[in-house]
Amino acid sequence: MRKITRLQQLFADKKAYVGYLTVGDGGMARSLEIARALIAGGVNMLELGVPFSDPVADGPVIQRAAQRAVANNTTVNDVLELARVLRQESAIPLVLFSYYNPLLATSSWIEKAKIVGLDAVLVVDLPYEEARVFNATCRQQGIVSIAIITPATTEQRLKMLVKQAQGFLYYACRTGTTGIKNSLPPDLSKQLTMIKQHTDLPVVVGFGVSDSTMVKAINQQADGVVVGSYFMKALEEGAAPVELTQLARRLWEGGCG
C-alpha cells in the first residue's frame, strides 16, 4: 500500500493555510524564528522563498525582502538547511518557492531537498513547455512540482497544465505581481469553478490575500489560501515573532468563523 504524503494528509483533513517567507531576510536565525512564529500562528504549510535578484512575479514588499536576502548572500542550500531544521520540529508540508535560475545554479539541489524532507517545489517562471523534464526529475525524487494557474490561463491551456500537475494547484488570482490588496477579484468564483471542472487536485488561492474576509471567501470555494506579502510587510515594519504569530492566528480564525 502506497504511503500517504504529508500534502495528501493535509488536504484530506482540513483547509490549507499556506504562509510564505523570503528566507534570509534579516539573516538565517531570523528566518527560523519567523517560520516557527507562522507555524505557531496556525500556518499548516510553509513556502520557503529562495531570494532572487530579479523577482519579476513579486510586488514591492517581497522584492525588497529578496534584495535584503540576496545582500545577505542567501543561497538555495541555505533554504534547504532551514527546511532540514524545520522538518525535525514539524510535520507540516514544506514547499521550496523559487525562480528557476537559482535552482539551475545549485548542484544536486533536488537530491538534497529529498534528504531534508521537502515536500514540494514551486518554480515561478518555468513554463509548461519547458517543465516536462523538471517535473519528471522531481517525481523521481518524491518531490511534488506545483503548477501555477492565473486568470490569463485559457481553458485549453489549463487542460494541458493539469496533465502534468501534482499535489495541488496554485491559483494566482490576479494578473501582475504579488502584493497586498483590498478585495478579491470579481471573477474568482467563476475561475475556480472552471479549474475544478478539469482536475480533482486541491486548489489553493494566493496573490493579495490580506484580511479575514478574503480568507473566508476563498475557503468557501477553494481548498486553501496562501498569504505572503501581508506577513512580509508586517515583518518589514518591525513586527516581532510573537506579534506575527498573533497576526497569523487572527487572520485565519477570523476567516474560519
Protein backbone atom coordinates (compact mmCIF):
# COMPACT_ATOMS: atom_id res chain seq x y z
CA MET A 1 0.00 0.00 0.00
CA ARG A 2 1.37 3.38 -1.01
CA LYS A 3 2.18 5.68 1.90
CA ILE A 4 0.08 8.82 2.10
CA THR A 5 2.12 12.00 1.73
CA ARG A 6 2.08 14.99 4.05
CA LEU A 7 0.30 17.02 1.34
CA GLN A 8 -2.38 14.38 0.86
CA GLN A 9 -2.89 14.13 4.62
CA LEU A 10 -3.27 17.89 4.96
CA PHE A 11 -5.89 18.24 2.23
CA ALA A 12 -7.75 15.16 3.48
CA ASP A 13 -8.09 16.66 6.94
CA LYS A 14 -8.53 20.42 6.56
CA LYS A 15 -8.08 23.57 4.53
CA ALA A 16 -4.51 24.60 3.74
CA TYR A 17 -3.22 27.74 5.44
CA VAL A 18 -0.06 28.44 3.47
CA GLY A 19 2.38 31.03 4.78
CA TYR A 20 5.25 32.44 2.73
CA LEU A 21 8.54 33.90 3.87
CA THR A 22 11.58 35.12 1.98
CA VAL A 23 14.41 33.15 3.56
CA GLY A 24 17.48 35.15 4.55
CA ASP A 25 15.74 38.49 5.02
CA GLY A 26 17.22 39.51 8.35
CA GLY A 27 19.55 36.50 8.40
CA MET A 28 19.02 32.77 8.76
CA ALA A 29 18.42 32.81 12.50
CA ARG A 30 15.70 35.41 11.96
CA SER A 31 14.12 33.28 9.19
CA LEU A 32 13.94 30.32 11.55
CA GLU A 33 12.21 32.49 14.15
CA ILE A 34 9.71 33.70 11.53
CA ALA A 35 8.98 30.17 10.31
CA ARG A 36 8.36 29.00 13.86
CA ALA A 37 6.15 32.03 14.52
CA LEU A 38 3.98 31.34 11.46
CA ILE A 39 3.57 27.69 12.42
CA ALA A 40 2.64 28.72 15.96
CA GLY A 41 0.03 31.04 14.41
CA GLY A 42 -1.71 28.17 12.64
CA VAL A 43 0.05 28.01 9.28
CA ASN A 44 -0.09 24.36 8.21
CA MET A 45 2.01 24.61 5.04
CA LEU A 46 5.10 26.76 4.62
CA GLU A 47 6.54 28.25 1.43
CA LEU A 48 10.27 28.87 1.85
CA GLY A 49 11.16 31.57 -0.65
CA VAL A 50 14.57 31.42 -2.33
CA PRO A 51 15.72 35.03 -2.80
CA PHE A 52 16.44 36.08 -6.37
CA SER A 53 17.87 39.30 -7.79
CA ASP A 54 15.10 39.71 -10.37
CA PRO A 55 11.82 38.54 -8.79
CA VAL A 56 9.56 39.65 -11.63
CA ALA A 57 6.40 37.96 -10.28
CA ASP A 58 6.63 39.68 -6.91
CA GLY A 59 5.44 43.06 -5.76
CA PRO A 60 7.44 45.72 -3.90
CA VAL A 61 7.27 44.15 -0.42
CA ILE A 62 8.70 40.78 -1.45
CA GLN A 63 11.09 42.43 -3.92
CA ARG A 64 12.62 44.41 -1.07
CA ALA A 65 12.80 41.31 1.11
CA ALA A 66 14.54 39.45 -1.70
CA GLN A 67 17.03 42.27 -2.17
CA ARG A 68 17.91 42.20 1.52
CA ALA A 69 18.23 38.41 1.49
CA VAL A 70 20.42 38.46 -1.64
CA ALA A 71 22.62 41.05 0.08
CA ASN A 72 22.97 38.53 2.91
CA ASN A 73 24.27 36.00 0.34
CA THR A 74 21.38 33.61 0.99
CA THR A 75 21.57 30.52 -1.25
CA VAL A 76 19.35 27.59 -2.19
CA ASN A 77 21.45 25.44 0.14
CA ASP A 78 20.72 27.84 2.99
CA VAL A 79 17.00 27.47 2.33
CA LEU A 80 17.34 23.69 2.29
CA GLU A 81 19.20 23.80 5.59
CA LEU A 82 16.32 25.77 7.07
CA ALA A 83 13.95 23.10 5.75
CA ARG A 84 16.08 20.43 7.44
CA VAL A 85 15.83 22.14 10.81
CA LEU A 86 12.08 22.72 10.46
CA ARG A 87 11.46 19.12 9.45
CA GLN A 88 12.98 17.98 12.74
CA GLU A 89 10.44 20.13 14.57
CA SER A 90 7.30 19.96 12.45
CA ALA A 91 5.37 17.58 10.20
CA ILE A 92 3.69 20.29 8.08
CA PRO A 93 4.35 20.28 4.32
CA LEU A 94 7.33 22.42 3.26
CA VAL A 95 7.43 23.96 -0.22
CA LEU A 96 10.52 25.41 -1.90
CA PHE A 97 9.39 28.58 -3.69
CA SER A 98 11.91 29.71 -6.29
CA TYR A 99 12.69 31.18 -9.66
CA TYR A 100 14.42 28.74 -11.96
CA ASN A 101 17.82 30.44 -12.15
CA PRO A 102 18.93 29.75 -8.55
CA LEU A 103 17.99 26.07 -8.93
CA LEU A 104 19.96 25.79 -12.18
CA ALA A 105 22.98 27.24 -10.40
CA THR A 106 22.80 24.76 -7.49
CA SER A 107 24.16 21.26 -7.98
CA SER A 108 22.21 18.30 -6.57
CA TRP A 109 19.56 20.54 -5.01
CA ILE A 110 16.77 18.07 -5.75
CA GLU A 111 18.59 15.20 -4.02
CA LYS A 112 19.26 17.47 -1.05
CA ALA A 113 15.61 18.52 -1.00
CA LYS A 114 14.55 14.91 -0.64
CA ILE A 115 17.07 14.27 2.15
CA VAL A 116 15.96 17.27 4.23
CA GLY A 117 12.28 16.35 3.95
CA LEU A 118 10.98 18.93 1.50
CA ASP A 119 7.55 18.06 0.10
CA ALA A 120 7.17 20.24 -2.98
CA VAL A 121 8.73 22.88 -5.22
CA LEU A 122 7.02 25.78 -6.93
CA VAL A 123 9.04 27.41 -9.71
CA VAL A 124 7.50 30.75 -10.61
CA ASP A 125 8.99 31.26 -14.06
CA LEU A 126 9.17 27.73 -15.53
CA PRO A 127 6.58 27.45 -18.32
CA TYR A 128 4.69 24.27 -19.13
CA GLU A 129 6.59 23.81 -22.38
CA GLU A 130 9.92 23.65 -20.54
CA ALA A 131 8.80 21.77 -17.44
CA ARG A 132 8.47 18.16 -18.56
CA VAL A 133 12.00 17.02 -17.66
CA PHE A 134 11.98 19.09 -14.47
CA ASN A 135 8.67 17.59 -13.35
CA ALA A 136 9.85 14.06 -14.13
CA THR A 137 13.03 14.60 -12.10
CA CYS A 138 11.01 15.89 -9.15
CA ARG A 139 8.67 12.92 -9.37
CA GLN A 140 11.62 10.51 -9.30
CA GLN A 141 12.78 12.08 -6.03
CA GLY A 142 9.32 12.12 -4.49
CA ILE A 143 9.14 15.92 -4.65
CA VAL A 144 5.87 17.41 -5.93
CA SER A 145 6.16 20.08 -8.63
CA ILE A 146 3.36 22.62 -8.22
CA ALA A 147 1.65 24.15 -11.26
CA ILE A 148 0.53 27.79 -11.23
CA ILE A 149 -2.76 28.87 -12.80
CA THR A 150 -3.61 32.55 -13.42
CA PRO A 151 -6.65 34.46 -14.71
CA ALA A 152 -4.84 34.61 -18.06
CA THR A 153 -4.71 30.80 -18.31
CA THR A 154 -7.13 29.71 -21.01
CA GLU A 155 -9.29 26.64 -20.59
CA GLN A 156 -7.32 24.91 -23.33
CA ARG A 157 -4.02 25.61 -21.58
CA LEU A 158 -5.49 24.57 -18.23
CA LYS A 159 -6.27 21.14 -19.70
CA MET A 160 -2.58 20.86 -20.66
CA LEU A 161 -1.30 22.02 -17.27
CA VAL A 162 -3.36 19.61 -15.19
CA LYS A 163 -1.95 16.64 -17.13
CA GLN A 164 1.46 17.31 -15.54
CA ALA A 165 0.14 18.75 -12.27
CA GLN A 166 0.98 17.12 -8.95
CA GLY A 167 -0.04 17.63 -5.33
CA PHE A 168 -2.21 20.72 -5.68
CA LEU A 169 -2.73 23.70 -7.97
CA TYR A 170 -1.75 27.23 -7.01
CA TYR A 171 -4.25 29.74 -8.38
CA ALA A 172 -2.63 33.18 -8.52
CA CYS A 173 -5.94 35.02 -8.61
CA ARG A 174 -4.63 38.24 -10.19
CA THR A 175 -2.56 39.11 -13.19
CA GLY A 176 0.59 41.09 -12.45
CA THR A 177 2.64 40.82 -9.27
CA THR A 178 2.07 39.83 -5.67
CA GLY A 179 1.12 42.41 -3.08
CA ILE A 180 -1.47 43.40 -0.50
CA LYS A 181 -4.93 44.11 -1.96
CA ASN A 182 -8.20 45.41 -0.53
CA SER A 183 -10.56 42.87 -2.11
CA LEU A 184 -10.72 39.68 -4.14
CA PRO A 185 -11.16 39.80 -7.92
CA PRO A 186 -14.82 39.57 -9.01
CA ASP A 187 -14.19 36.58 -11.29
CA LEU A 188 -12.72 34.36 -8.53
CA SER A 189 -15.73 32.05 -8.21
CA LYS A 190 -16.06 31.65 -11.97
CA GLN A 191 -12.36 30.88 -12.36
CA LEU A 192 -12.33 28.33 -9.54
CA THR A 193 -15.37 26.59 -11.00
CA MET A 194 -13.61 26.29 -14.35
CA ILE A 195 -10.41 24.95 -12.79
CA LYS A 196 -12.23 22.36 -10.69
CA GLN A 197 -14.08 21.10 -13.75
CA HIS A 198 -10.77 19.85 -15.11
CA THR A 199 -8.98 18.42 -12.08
CA ASP A 200 -9.56 16.57 -8.82
CA LEU A 201 -6.43 18.12 -7.31
CA PRO A 202 -6.87 20.60 -4.44
CA VAL A 203 -6.70 24.28 -5.43
CA VAL A 204 -5.19 26.95 -3.18
CA VAL A 205 -5.57 30.66 -3.86
CA GLY A 206 -2.98 33.38 -3.37
CA PHE A 207 -1.85 36.86 -4.55
CA GLY A 208 -3.09 39.74 -2.43
CA VAL A 209 -4.78 37.95 0.50
CA SER A 210 -4.67 40.40 3.38
CA ASP A 211 -7.71 40.11 5.65
CA SER A 212 -10.05 37.58 7.21
CA THR A 213 -12.90 38.44 4.85
CA MET A 214 -10.78 37.32 1.91
CA VAL A 215 -9.69 34.17 3.74
CA LYS A 216 -13.31 33.25 4.47
CA ALA A 217 -14.44 33.85 0.89
CA ILE A 218 -11.59 31.77 -0.51
CA ASN A 219 -12.12 28.90 1.91
CA GLN A 220 -15.78 28.69 0.91
CA GLN A 221 -14.73 27.90 -2.65
CA ALA A 222 -11.15 26.59 -2.64
CA ASP A 223 -9.03 24.14 -0.68
CA GLY A 224 -6.78 26.69 0.96
CA VAL A 225 -5.25 30.12 0.95
CA VAL A 226 -1.72 31.49 0.54
CA VAL A 227 -0.57 34.56 2.49
CA GLY A 228 2.77 36.15 1.72
CA SER A 229 3.11 39.92 1.29
CA TYR A 230 0.81 40.56 4.27
CA PHE A 231 3.22 38.76 6.59
CA MET A 232 6.36 40.11 4.94
CA LYS A 233 5.11 43.69 5.23
CA ALA A 234 4.41 43.24 8.93
CA LEU A 235 7.97 41.99 9.39
CA GLU A 236 9.38 44.85 7.33
CA GLU A 237 7.56 47.25 9.63
CA GLY A 238 9.20 45.67 12.66
CA ALA A 239 6.75 43.03 13.90
CA ALA A 240 8.30 40.69 16.45
CA PRO A 241 7.83 36.92 16.05
CA VAL A 242 5.19 36.82 18.81
CA GLU A 243 3.28 39.59 17.02
CA LEU A 244 3.50 37.66 13.75
CA THR A 245 2.05 34.60 15.48
CA GLN A 246 -0.87 36.68 16.74
CA LEU A 247 -1.37 38.25 13.31
CA ALA A 248 -1.42 34.87 11.59
CA ARG A 249 -3.82 33.42 14.15
CA ARG A 250 -6.26 36.35 13.89
CA LEU A 251 -6.23 36.24 10.10
CA TRP A 252 -7.07 32.53 9.99
CA GLU A 253 -9.51 32.31 12.88
CA GLY A 254 -11.37 35.35 11.58
CA GLY A 255 -11.66 33.71 8.18
CA CYS A 256 -12.85 30.38 9.54
CA GLY A 257 -15.60 31.71 11.75
